[in-house]
Amino acid sequence: MLEINGRPDRVHIETDDGWFVAALGEGGAWHAAGAEVALRPLDAEDRWDVRLSVPAAAVRAVRLRWERRLTEPLSVLGDHWERGYGDLEWRGLAPERAMPWYFLAQGADRRVVGIGVKTGPAAFCCWQLDAEGLTLTLDTRCGDAGVRLGTRALSVCTIVRLAGGPEESAFAAARRLCAALCDRPLLPAQPVYGGNNWYYAYGNSSHQSMLADSEFIASLAPTQTNRPFMVVDDGWQRSSGGGSCKGGPWVGNAAFPDMPRLAEEMKLAGVRPGLWFRPLLTSESVPGSWIRTSSPSLGHVLDPSVPDVLAYIREAVASMTGWGFELLKHDFSSFDLLGLWGFEMRTAPHRKALPFADRSRTTAEIVLSLYRAIAEASGDALILGCNTFSHLAAGLVHVQRTGDDTSGKNWERTRYMGINTLAFRMAQHHTFYSHDADCIGITDNVPWRLNRQWLQLLASSGTPLFVSADPAVITEEHRRALVDAFALAAEPAAPAEPLDWLYNACPNEWQSAHGKLSFQWHEDEPSSAPDDNLWWK
């Protein structure tokens, strides 16, 4: 099923002048518009390196097509460009469906085939599958224009195909594929758990409230050898206000007057301090050559293809870790780079992208240089990527937020976003990074019966557990449940498997290291606090 054998049946190349049909030449390379595309088999079976050479033209994309008429029903699972948006699922053929980075297909005999590109590619790679065959589009744009490689030959990506055995489950096949796609995952030394007050405070916090939250989270922790984190989210920086996500300069404000002292006092309270920031946005006065776009309400979006911008970001990261923060959560880079949320990108992630100053590198290469700069400047601190391109962040973040925001206002959003991403991106846990399906917002707006189940699932899943607990609503029942959950989350555990994920986008049945779990996710009554971000309604 879906044999591709390295050699496509058709190749198209897009330059700034349009699409061209490539011709197969001697030596197995494809040629059009002054560009050459070569697929080279690697030593391992079913792996091919794709290389692009184009001395003069500006190349926007390469499209590879394998003609494979499919005569049996298939169930197909794809990935997302960055976060999941509650829409990951096994489904039948949908030719228009964009499947970034990799996909899995299961036939009538229950065998699974997985096909994808290795992490860290030099292009945005997207698969599409229809009844007549398979298409891989390699988007090599630099912002909104073609990349100008000159004499440089670009190793675009490595294609990997894995076929599952007759007794291998779809879940096991997915984990095996993800392990094959990432050679060097960056993993935390211990399980990550703790608190983040965003989903009850939503940016309205202070030095003193963070200390109170730190003391509360520390009081729940079971061990002295793996202390919990407490993350200071958006609202601590000078340009923040009203809970909106704004940018640098990355120094404190009136509510956070002394960031080194805050980090030290949080440690004394018994937690490991973490800090949120948005690396590509600042209200600070910077050289015009650094700026891609500006907004009076937000500030300047920076161009990471400019070396001085990367130096500026490195300096900010080193400053924050120098204050004593042991986890940095960097956010919004995918939106700030391409101007779209992941669910809007589909097959055209560069649809609204702006130019980069350096036209000699692809957007993917520029993203990799940004993530690498943050990782290198962070020293021993853990890196948590949020709204980051998953296949480009793998190996450069310890923890990845794999889904859109959960909620402390509306259970439906948590169900839709959190449970779906936990299930359908569990294959990436400890194969790409540590997989974070986001927080549990414990507030009066969310029924505790449902939140308690979400808490139990996350704590049993082997993945990071973060809670946002409003101190005004915490009862002794909440506290006992949190103590039990932290005791599980602090210890390593095998990833939980969603047992009904082949036909249920919000799995109810799970197999965890602690036994089989069954949940009821339906809310008995509609929430009284609608969430304005329920964009799918």
Protein backbone atom coordinates (compact mmCIF):
# COMPACT_ATOMS: atom_id res chain seq x y z
CA MET A 1 0.00 0.00 0.00
CA LEU A 2 1.31 3.42 -1.02
CA GLU A 3 4.66 2.23 -2.29
CA ILE A 4 6.58 5.29 -3.50
CA ASN A 5 10.02 3.81 -4.31
CA GLY A 6 11.72 7.16 -4.27
CA ARG A 7 10.97 8.09 -7.88
CA PRO A 8 7.87 10.25 -8.47
CA ASP A 9 5.86 9.98 -11.67
CA ARG A 10 5.69 13.74 -12.15
CA VAL A 11 7.57 16.75 -10.81
CA HIS A 12 6.56 20.40 -11.06
CA ILE A 13 8.72 23.35 -10.07
CA GLU A 14 7.36 26.79 -9.23
CA THR A 15 9.53 29.89 -9.63
CA ASP A 16 8.58 33.53 -9.29
CA ASP A 17 7.58 33.25 -12.97
CA GLY A 18 5.04 30.44 -12.43
CA TRP A 19 4.80 26.63 -12.55
CA PHE A 20 6.92 24.48 -14.88
CA VAL A 21 6.75 20.78 -15.75
CA ALA A 22 10.07 19.15 -14.97
CA ALA A 23 11.70 16.63 -17.28
CA LEU A 24 13.54 13.54 -16.06
CA GLY A 25 17.16 13.69 -17.20
CA GLU A 26 20.17 11.44 -17.11
CA GLY A 27 21.20 10.44 -13.62
CA GLY A 28 17.62 10.50 -12.34
CA ALA A 29 17.34 14.25 -11.66
CA TRP A 30 14.40 16.42 -12.76
CA HIS A 31 14.95 19.73 -14.57
CA ALA A 32 12.84 22.82 -15.28
CA ALA A 33 13.35 26.60 -15.39
CA GLY A 34 17.02 26.30 -14.55
CA ALA A 35 16.32 24.22 -11.43
CA GLU A 36 17.32 20.63 -10.66
CA VAL A 37 15.54 18.33 -8.21
CA ALA A 38 17.23 15.06 -7.26
CA LEU A 39 15.97 12.20 -5.07
CA ARG A 40 18.79 10.13 -3.65
CA PRO A 41 18.12 6.82 -1.86
CA LEU A 42 19.76 6.56 1.54
CA ASP A 43 21.28 3.48 3.15
CA ALA A 44 18.14 2.74 5.13
CA GLU A 45 15.25 1.15 3.25
CA ASP A 46 12.42 3.47 2.18
CA ARG A 47 14.32 6.71 2.83
CA TRP A 48 15.21 9.34 0.24
CA ASP A 49 17.01 12.66 0.40
CA VAL A 50 15.54 15.47 -1.74
CA ARG A 51 18.02 18.06 -3.01
CA LEU A 52 17.39 21.28 -4.94
CA SER A 53 19.84 23.28 -7.05
CA VAL A 54 18.84 26.50 -8.80
CA PRO A 55 21.72 28.86 -9.64
CA ALA A 56 19.70 31.72 -11.14
CA ALA A 57 15.93 31.51 -10.64
CA ALA A 58 13.97 32.10 -7.40
CA VAL A 59 12.16 28.85 -6.50
CA ARG A 60 8.89 28.98 -4.59
CA ALA A 61 7.95 25.29 -4.45
CA VAL A 62 8.59 21.78 -5.73
CA ARG A 63 5.70 19.36 -6.16
CA LEU A 64 6.28 15.59 -6.34
CA ARG A 65 3.47 13.32 -7.54
CA TRP A 66 3.21 9.53 -7.28
CA GLU A 67 0.39 7.95 -9.30
CA ARG A 68 -1.06 5.16 -7.15
CA ARG A 69 -4.68 4.28 -7.79
CA LEU A 70 -6.29 3.33 -4.48
CA THR A 71 -8.92 0.64 -4.80
CA GLU A 72 -9.67 -0.12 -1.14
CA PRO A 73 -11.07 2.04 1.67
CA LEU A 74 -8.46 3.90 3.67
CA SER A 75 -8.58 5.70 7.00
CA VAL A 76 -6.04 8.52 7.11
CA LEU A 77 -4.52 10.63 9.90
CA GLY A 78 -2.50 13.78 9.19
CA ASP A 79 -0.59 16.28 11.32
CA HIS A 80 -0.71 20.09 11.70
CA TRP A 81 1.79 22.82 10.81
CA GLU A 82 2.08 23.92 14.43
CA ARG A 83 -0.63 23.31 17.07
CA GLY A 84 -3.69 21.12 16.75
CA TYR A 85 -7.03 22.92 16.72
CA GLY A 86 -9.38 20.16 17.90
CA ASP A 87 -9.70 18.83 14.36
CA LEU A 88 -7.20 15.97 14.27
CA GLU A 89 -8.86 12.66 13.38
CA TRP A 90 -8.75 9.50 11.31
CA ARG A 91 -10.96 10.01 8.25
CA GLY A 92 -11.44 8.84 4.68
CA LEU A 93 -9.86 10.32 1.57
CA ALA A 94 -10.19 14.10 1.24
CA PRO A 95 -8.06 15.34 -1.68
CA GLU A 96 -8.11 18.96 -0.48
CA ARG A 97 -6.95 17.98 3.01
CA ALA A 98 -3.50 19.37 3.85
CA MET A 99 -1.40 16.95 5.92
CA PRO A 100 1.72 18.83 7.04
CA TRP A 101 4.94 16.92 7.64
CA TYR A 102 3.56 13.33 7.84
CA PHE A 103 0.50 11.10 7.64
CA LEU A 104 -0.61 7.54 8.41
CA ALA A 105 -3.02 5.40 6.40
CA GLN A 106 -4.78 2.23 7.53
CA GLY A 107 -6.27 -0.23 5.03
CA ALA A 108 -9.02 -2.80 5.31
CA ASP A 109 -6.50 -5.39 6.59
CA ARG A 110 -5.72 -3.02 9.53
CA ARG A 111 -2.10 -2.61 8.46
CA VAL A 112 -0.74 0.92 8.73
CA VAL A 113 1.64 2.77 6.43
CA GLY A 114 3.32 5.95 7.64
CA ILE A 115 4.99 8.47 5.32
CA GLY A 116 6.63 11.74 6.28
CA VAL A 117 9.69 13.95 6.22
CA LYS A 118 12.32 14.05 8.92
CA THR A 119 12.19 16.89 11.43
CA GLY A 120 14.22 19.99 10.69
CA PRO A 121 13.53 20.20 6.92
CA ALA A 122 14.50 23.23 4.83
CA ALA A 123 10.96 23.61 3.44
CA PHE A 124 7.35 23.54 4.60
CA CYS A 125 6.35 20.03 3.56
CA CYS A 126 2.71 19.08 2.95
CA TRP A 127 1.13 15.79 1.80
CA GLN A 128 -2.20 15.29 -0.01
CA LEU A 129 -3.79 11.95 -0.78
CA ASP A 130 -6.53 11.21 -3.29
CA ALA A 131 -7.95 8.15 -5.04
CA GLU A 132 -5.41 8.46 -7.87
CA GLY A 133 -2.24 9.05 -5.90
CA LEU A 134 -0.05 10.98 -3.50
CA THR A 135 1.33 14.53 -3.71
CA LEU A 136 4.14 16.11 -1.68
CA THR A 137 4.53 19.88 -1.93
CA LEU A 138 7.83 21.33 -0.72
CA ASP A 139 7.29 25.03 -0.09
CA THR A 140 10.72 26.70 -0.39
CA ARG A 141 9.52 30.29 -0.25
CA CYS A 142 11.39 33.00 1.59
CA GLY A 143 8.46 34.92 2.96
CA ASP A 144 6.18 35.70 0.03
CA ALA A 145 8.79 35.15 -2.70
CA GLY A 146 11.01 32.42 -4.07
CA VAL A 147 14.30 31.59 -2.39
CA ARG A 148 17.49 32.61 -4.21
CA LEU A 149 19.95 29.80 -3.52
CA GLY A 150 22.69 30.86 -5.94
CA THR A 151 25.45 28.27 -5.99
CA ARG A 152 24.20 26.58 -2.81
CA ALA A 153 22.62 23.12 -3.17
CA LEU A 154 19.73 22.80 -0.71
CA SER A 155 19.03 19.55 1.13
CA VAL A 156 15.29 20.12 1.24
CA CYS A 157 14.11 17.14 3.28
CA THR A 158 14.42 13.41 3.87
CA ILE A 159 11.37 11.30 3.04
CA VAL A 160 10.67 8.27 5.25
CA ARG A 161 8.17 5.47 4.64
CA LEU A 162 7.37 2.80 7.25
CA ALA A 163 4.99 -0.14 6.85
CA GLY A 164 3.38 -1.62 9.93
CA GLY A 165 3.22 -5.33 10.65
CA PRO A 166 0.01 -7.36 10.73
CA GLU A 167 -0.19 -7.28 14.53
CA GLU A 168 1.01 -3.68 15.06
CA SER A 169 -1.64 -1.24 16.29
CA ALA A 170 -2.16 2.11 14.62
CA PHE A 171 -0.92 3.81 17.81
CA ALA A 172 2.30 1.77 17.87
CA ALA A 173 2.85 2.45 14.17
CA ALA A 174 2.38 6.19 14.71
CA ARG A 175 4.93 6.24 17.53
CA ARG A 176 7.39 4.21 15.46
CA LEU A 177 7.04 6.62 12.53
CA CYS A 178 7.58 9.67 14.73
CA ALA A 179 10.67 8.06 16.28
CA ALA A 180 12.03 7.46 12.77
CA LEU A 181 11.38 11.08 11.78
CA CYS A 182 13.35 12.69 14.63
CA ASP A 183 16.95 11.62 15.16
CA ARG A 184 17.71 13.82 18.18
CA PRO A 185 14.71 14.74 20.33
CA LEU A 186 15.47 17.20 23.13
CA LEU A 187 13.88 15.85 26.30
CA PRO A 188 13.70 17.09 29.90
CA ALA A 189 15.69 15.08 32.42
CA GLN A 190 12.58 14.61 34.59
CA PRO A 191 8.81 14.81 34.06
CA VAL A 192 7.55 18.39 33.83
CA TYR A 193 4.60 19.48 35.97
CA GLY A 194 3.40 22.43 38.03
CA GLY A 195 1.37 25.60 37.61
CA ASN A 196 0.63 28.44 35.22
CA ASN A 197 -1.93 30.99 36.35
CA TRP A 198 -3.05 32.13 32.86
CA TYR A 199 -6.37 30.25 32.82
CA TYR A 200 -7.74 31.97 35.87
CA ALA A 201 -5.81 35.28 35.96
CA TYR A 202 -5.50 35.85 32.18
CA GLY A 203 -2.58 38.24 32.61
CA ASN A 204 -3.83 40.09 35.69
CA SER A 205 -1.08 39.04 38.08
CA SER A 206 1.74 40.51 40.14
CA HIS A 207 4.91 39.65 42.03
CA GLN A 208 2.88 38.88 45.16
CA SER A 209 0.20 36.80 43.42
CA MET A 210 2.90 34.75 41.71
CA LEU A 211 4.52 34.06 45.07
CA ALA A 212 1.16 32.98 46.49
CA ASP A 213 0.62 30.67 43.50
CA SER A 214 4.15 29.31 43.93
CA GLU A 215 3.55 28.49 47.58
CA PHE A 216 0.29 26.75 46.71
CA ILE A 217 1.81 24.67 43.89
CA ALA A 218 4.81 23.76 46.06
CA SER A 219 2.49 22.55 48.84
CA LEU A 220 0.99 19.99 46.45
CA ALA A 221 4.28 18.49 45.30
CA PRO A 222 5.22 15.01 46.49
CA THR A 223 8.99 15.01 46.14
CA GLN A 224 12.13 16.97 46.83
CA THR A 225 13.97 15.49 43.84
CA ASN A 226 11.63 16.73 41.11
CA ARG A 227 10.17 20.06 42.12
CA PRO A 228 7.20 21.55 40.24
CA PHE A 229 7.44 24.55 37.91
CA MET A 230 5.45 27.74 38.29
CA VAL A 231 5.25 29.72 35.04
CA VAL A 232 4.88 33.50 34.96
CA ASP A 233 2.81 33.98 31.81
CA ASP A 234 2.03 37.11 29.78
CA GLY A 235 1.54 40.27 31.86
CA TRP A 236 4.92 40.64 33.54
CA GLN A 237 6.64 42.68 30.79
CA ARG A 238 6.74 46.47 30.46
CA SER A 239 4.46 46.69 27.41
CA SER A 240 1.73 44.35 28.69
CA GLY A 241 -1.67 45.57 29.68
CA GLY A 242 -5.25 44.43 30.00
CA GLY A 243 -4.29 40.78 29.60
CA SER A 244 -3.45 41.21 25.90
CA CYS A 245 -0.49 39.35 24.45
CA LYS A 246 2.04 42.08 23.78
CA GLY A 247 5.81 42.01 23.41
CA GLY A 248 9.05 43.33 24.75
CA PRO A 249 11.17 44.99 25.94
CA TRP A 250 11.62 42.04 28.23
CA VAL A 251 11.90 43.85 31.54
CA GLY A 252 9.42 43.98 34.40
CA ASN A 253 6.64 46.50 35.01
CA ALA A 254 5.08 48.15 38.07
CA ALA A 255 3.46 44.86 39.12
CA PHE A 256 6.75 43.00 38.57
CA PRO A 257 9.42 45.47 39.70
CA ASP A 258 12.29 43.06 40.35
CA MET A 259 12.42 39.92 38.19
CA PRO A 260 15.66 38.44 39.69
CA ARG A 261 14.17 38.77 43.17
CA LEU A 262 10.92 37.16 42.00
CA ALA A 263 12.82 34.17 40.59
CA GLU A 264 14.77 33.78 43.83
CA GLU A 265 11.67 34.05 46.04
CA MET A 266 9.81 31.53 43.88
CA LYS A 267 12.68 29.08 44.39
CA LEU A 268 12.57 29.70 48.14
CA ALA A 269 8.83 28.95 48.00
CA GLY A 270 9.67 25.51 46.58
CA VAL A 271 9.06 25.80 42.83
CA ARG A 272 11.20 26.10 39.72
CA PRO A 273 10.39 29.49 38.16
CA GLY A 274 9.34 29.69 34.51
CA LEU A 275 8.74 32.71 32.28
CA TRP A 276 6.70 33.44 29.11
CA PHE A 277 7.89 35.69 26.29
CA ARG A 278 7.14 36.49 22.65
CA PRO A 279 10.52 36.71 20.90
CA LEU A 280 9.51 38.44 17.64
CA LEU A 281 7.42 41.28 19.03
CA THR A 282 8.63 44.43 20.79
CA SER A 283 7.51 48.00 21.45
CA GLU A 284 11.10 49.03 21.97
CA SER A 285 12.73 51.47 19.53
CA VAL A 286 14.82 49.33 17.17
CA PRO A 287 16.55 49.95 13.80
CA GLY A 288 14.18 50.04 10.85
CA SER A 289 16.15 47.27 9.11
CA TRP A 290 15.04 44.89 11.89
CA ILE A 291 11.30 45.41 11.34
CA ARG A 292 9.01 43.39 9.06
CA THR A 293 5.80 45.17 10.10
CA SER A 294 4.58 47.54 12.80
CA SER A 295 1.29 48.10 14.62
CA PRO A 296 0.50 51.09 16.89
CA SER A 297 -1.36 48.79 19.30
CA LEU A 298 1.17 45.94 19.42
CA GLY A 299 4.60 47.13 18.35
CA HIS A 300 7.19 45.88 15.88
CA VAL A 301 7.34 42.36 14.45
CA LEU A 302 11.04 41.59 13.97
CA ASP A 303 12.81 39.88 11.05
CA PRO A 304 14.82 36.90 12.35
CA SER A 305 16.73 36.64 9.06
CA VAL A 306 18.67 39.74 10.20
CA PRO A 307 21.71 38.67 12.28
CA ASP A 308 21.36 41.63 14.66
CA VAL A 309 17.79 40.57 15.46
CA LEU A 310 18.97 37.11 16.49
CA ALA A 311 21.66 38.74 18.62
CA TYR A 312 18.98 40.91 20.26
CA ILE A 313 16.83 37.83 21.00
CA ARG A 314 19.83 35.90 22.32
CA GLU A 315 20.62 38.77 24.67
CA ALA A 316 17.02 38.84 25.95
CA VAL A 317 17.00 35.07 26.52
CA ALA A 318 20.34 35.15 28.34
CA SER A 319 19.03 37.99 30.52
CA MET A 320 15.90 36.06 31.53
CA THR A 321 17.77 32.87 32.37
CA GLY A 322 20.39 35.00 34.13
CA TRP A 323 17.65 36.26 36.45
CA GLY A 324 17.23 32.66 37.58
CA PHE A 325 14.26 31.43 35.52
CA GLU A 326 14.63 27.72 34.77
CA LEU A 327 11.98 27.40 32.03
CA LEU A 328 11.34 29.76 29.12
CA LYS A 329 8.06 29.53 27.21
CA HIS A 330 8.46 31.20 23.83
CA ASP A 331 5.19 31.94 22.08
CA PHE A 332 3.57 33.27 18.88
CA SER A 333 6.49 32.74 16.50
CA SER A 334 4.44 30.94 13.83
CA PHE A 335 1.82 33.71 13.75
CA ASP A 336 4.40 36.49 13.85
CA LEU A 337 6.37 34.86 11.00
CA LEU A 338 3.52 34.00 8.61
CA GLY A 339 0.55 36.10 9.76
CA LEU A 340 -1.78 33.10 9.99
CA TRP A 341 -2.94 30.67 12.66
CA GLY A 342 -2.23 27.03 11.88
CA PHE A 343 -5.84 26.17 11.02
CA GLU A 344 -5.82 28.95 8.39
CA MET A 345 -2.65 27.80 6.60
CA ARG A 346 -3.95 24.65 4.90
CA THR A 347 -1.90 24.07 1.72
CA ALA A 348 -0.68 27.68 1.55
CA PRO A 349 1.21 28.60 4.74
CA HIS A 350 2.88 31.57 3.01
CA ARG A 351 -0.39 33.08 1.77
CA LYS A 352 -0.05 36.24 3.90
CA ALA A 353 3.69 36.12 4.58
CA LEU A 354 5.84 39.24 4.25
CA PRO A 355 9.34 39.35 2.76
CA PHE A 356 12.44 38.54 4.77
CA ALA A 357 15.57 40.62 4.38
CA ASP A 358 17.71 37.57 3.57
CA ARG A 359 16.38 36.09 0.33
CA SER A 360 19.07 33.38 0.23
CA ARG A 361 17.38 31.17 2.84
CA THR A 362 13.96 29.55 2.94
CA THR A 363 11.43 30.49 5.61
CA ALA A 364 11.97 27.06 7.19
CA GLU A 365 15.72 27.69 7.45
CA ILE A 366 15.08 31.12 9.00
CA VAL A 367 12.68 29.56 11.54
CA LEU A 368 15.27 26.93 12.43
CA SER A 369 17.90 29.63 13.01
CA LEU A 370 15.50 31.45 15.36
CA TYR A 371 14.66 28.35 17.39
CA ARG A 372 18.32 27.35 17.49
CA ALA A 373 19.34 30.81 18.75
CA ILE A 374 16.81 30.62 21.60
CA ALA A 375 17.91 27.09 22.53
CA GLU A 376 21.60 27.98 22.53
CA ALA A 377 21.13 31.18 24.55
CA SER A 378 18.95 29.48 27.18
CA GLY A 379 21.81 27.59 28.81
CA ASP A 380 20.50 24.93 31.17
CA ALA A 381 16.91 26.23 31.20
CA LEU A 382 14.11 24.15 29.71
CA ILE A 383 12.51 25.50 26.54
CA LEU A 384 8.74 25.22 26.05
CA GLY A 385 7.56 26.04 22.53
CA CYS A 386 4.03 27.43 22.11
CA ASN A 387 2.57 28.38 18.71
CA THR A 388 5.79 27.05 17.20
CA PHE A 389 6.12 24.93 14.04
CA SER A 390 6.25 21.41 15.46
CA HIS A 391 8.52 19.79 12.87
CA LEU A 392 10.96 22.70 13.08
CA ALA A 393 10.86 22.94 16.88
CA ALA A 394 11.55 19.21 17.42
CA GLY A 395 15.08 18.85 18.77
CA LEU A 396 15.16 22.54 19.78
CA VAL A 397 12.48 22.59 22.52
CA HIS A 398 12.19 20.27 25.51
CA VAL A 399 8.41 20.67 25.72
CA GLN A 400 5.95 21.57 22.95
CA ARG A 401 2.42 22.92 23.37
CA THR A 402 0.76 20.66 20.83
CA GLY A 403 -2.75 22.16 20.82
CA ASP A 404 -4.52 25.50 20.90
CA ASP A 405 -5.49 26.98 24.26
CA THR A 406 -7.69 25.15 26.72
CA SER A 407 -9.85 27.35 28.96
CA GLY A 408 -10.74 28.38 32.46
CA LYS A 409 -13.94 29.92 31.10
CA ASN A 410 -15.59 27.26 28.99
CA TRP A 411 -15.35 23.47 29.23
CA GLU A 412 -16.22 22.96 25.56
CA ARG A 413 -12.97 24.61 24.51
CA THR A 414 -10.92 22.38 26.82
CA ARG A 415 -12.71 19.28 25.56
CA TYR A 416 -12.33 20.28 21.93
CA MET A 417 -8.70 21.43 22.08
CA GLY A 418 -7.07 19.58 24.97
CA ILE A 419 -8.36 16.02 24.75
CA ASN A 420 -8.07 15.91 20.95
CA THR A 421 -4.45 17.05 20.86
CA LEU A 422 -3.47 14.80 23.77
CA ALA A 423 -4.73 11.78 21.84
CA PHE A 424 -3.72 12.56 18.28
CA ARG A 425 -0.26 13.94 18.98
CA MET A 426 0.67 11.42 21.67
CA ALA A 427 2.85 9.72 19.04
CA GLN A 428 5.17 12.76 19.28
CA HIS A 429 5.65 12.41 23.05
CA HIS A 430 9.30 11.60 23.79
CA THR A 431 9.91 11.00 20.08
CA PHE A 432 9.97 14.73 19.12
CA TYR A 433 9.81 16.41 22.55
CA SER A 434 7.69 16.21 25.70
CA HIS A 435 4.08 16.67 24.54
CA ASP A 436 2.08 19.32 26.44
CA ALA A 437 -1.68 19.30 25.79
CA ASP A 438 -2.11 22.47 27.92
CA CYS A 439 -3.53 23.39 31.28
CA ILE A 440 -6.43 22.55 33.55
CA GLY A 441 -8.22 25.81 34.37
CA ILE A 442 -9.81 25.28 37.78
CA THR A 443 -12.40 28.05 38.13
CA ASP A 444 -16.09 28.51 38.95
CA ASN A 445 -16.85 28.55 35.23
CA VAL A 446 -15.81 24.97 34.53
CA PRO A 447 -17.61 22.01 36.18
CA TRP A 448 -15.28 20.21 38.57
CA ARG A 449 -16.75 16.83 37.52
CA LEU A 450 -15.27 17.38 34.05
CA ASN A 451 -12.08 19.11 35.13
CA ARG A 452 -11.36 16.30 37.59
CA GLN A 453 -11.46 13.79 34.74
CA TRP A 454 -9.17 15.98 32.62
CA LEU A 455 -6.81 16.21 35.61
CA GLN A 456 -6.83 12.43 36.05
CA LEU A 457 -6.16 11.82 32.36
CA LEU A 458 -3.27 14.28 32.13
CA ALA A 459 -1.72 13.04 35.38
CA SER A 460 -1.91 9.43 34.16
CA SER A 461 -0.78 10.14 30.61
CA GLY A 462 2.97 10.43 31.17
CA THR A 463 2.89 13.93 29.62
CA PRO A 464 3.44 17.33 31.31
CA LEU A 465 0.74 18.47 33.73
CA PHE A 466 0.12 22.20 34.30
CA VAL A 467 -2.76 23.54 36.40
CA SER A 468 -4.25 27.04 36.66
CA ALA A 469 -6.02 26.96 40.00
CA ASP A 470 -8.00 30.00 41.12
CA PRO A 471 -7.25 30.26 44.86
CA ALA A 472 -10.74 31.64 45.49
CA VAL A 473 -12.43 28.38 44.47
CA ILE A 474 -10.02 25.74 45.82
CA THR A 475 -11.61 23.37 48.34
CA GLU A 476 -10.16 20.48 50.27
CA GLU A 477 -11.54 18.14 47.58
CA HIS A 478 -9.64 20.05 44.91
CA ARG A 479 -6.50 19.95 46.99
CA ARG A 480 -6.62 16.17 47.57
CA ALA A 481 -7.15 15.55 43.87
CA LEU A 482 -4.24 17.84 42.94
CA VAL A 483 -1.92 16.15 45.43
CA ASP A 484 -2.77 12.76 43.94
CA ALA A 485 -2.32 14.09 40.40
CA PHE A 486 1.05 15.67 41.13
CA ALA A 487 2.25 12.42 42.71
CA LEU A 488 1.57 10.66 39.39
CA ALA A 489 2.86 13.48 37.18
CA ALA A 490 6.17 13.79 39.03
CA GLU A 491 7.21 10.25 38.12
CA PRO A 492 8.06 8.89 34.64
CA ALA A 493 5.33 6.85 32.97
CA ALA A 494 4.72 5.31 29.57
CA PRO A 495 2.49 7.42 27.31
CA ALA A 496 -1.21 6.69 27.63
CA GLU A 497 -2.86 5.19 24.54
CA PRO A 498 -6.27 6.38 23.28
CA LEU A 499 -8.13 3.14 22.65
CA ASP A 500 -11.06 4.52 20.62
CA TRP A 501 -9.19 7.14 18.59
CA LEU A 502 -9.79 5.40 15.25
CA TYR A 503 -13.44 6.47 15.36
CA ASN A 504 -13.65 9.07 18.15
CA ALA A 505 -12.01 12.52 17.83
CA CYS A 506 -12.43 13.01 21.59
CA PRO A 507 -11.41 9.59 22.98
CA ASN A 508 -13.25 8.32 26.04
CA GLU A 509 -11.26 5.12 26.56
CA TRP A 510 -7.57 5.14 27.47
CA GLN A 511 -4.90 2.65 28.50
CA SER A 512 -2.41 4.26 30.89
CA ALA A 513 0.53 2.92 32.84
CA HIS A 514 -1.80 2.94 35.83
CA GLY A 515 -4.56 0.91 34.21
CA LYS A 516 -7.49 1.33 31.84
CA LEU A 517 -9.40 4.60 32.19
CA SER A 518 -12.88 5.53 30.97
CA PHE A 519 -14.25 9.07 30.88
CA GLN A 520 -17.49 10.93 30.18
CA TRP A 521 -16.68 14.26 28.56
CA HIS A 522 -20.20 15.57 27.87
CA GLU A 523 -21.21 18.72 29.74
CA ASP A 524 -24.65 18.34 31.35
CA GLU A 525 -25.54 22.02 30.98
CA PRO A 526 -24.14 24.77 28.73
CA SER A 527 -21.49 26.96 30.27
CA SER A 528 -22.67 30.26 31.72
CA ALA A 529 -19.40 31.91 30.69
CA PRO A 530 -19.03 31.76 26.88
CA ASP A 531 -15.49 31.89 25.53
CA ASP A 532 -15.08 34.48 22.77
CA ASN A 533 -12.37 32.32 21.23
CA LEU A 534 -14.70 29.44 20.36
CA TRP A 535 -14.01 30.21 16.71
CA TRP A 536 -15.50 26.99 15.33
CA LYS A 537 -19.01 27.74 16.63
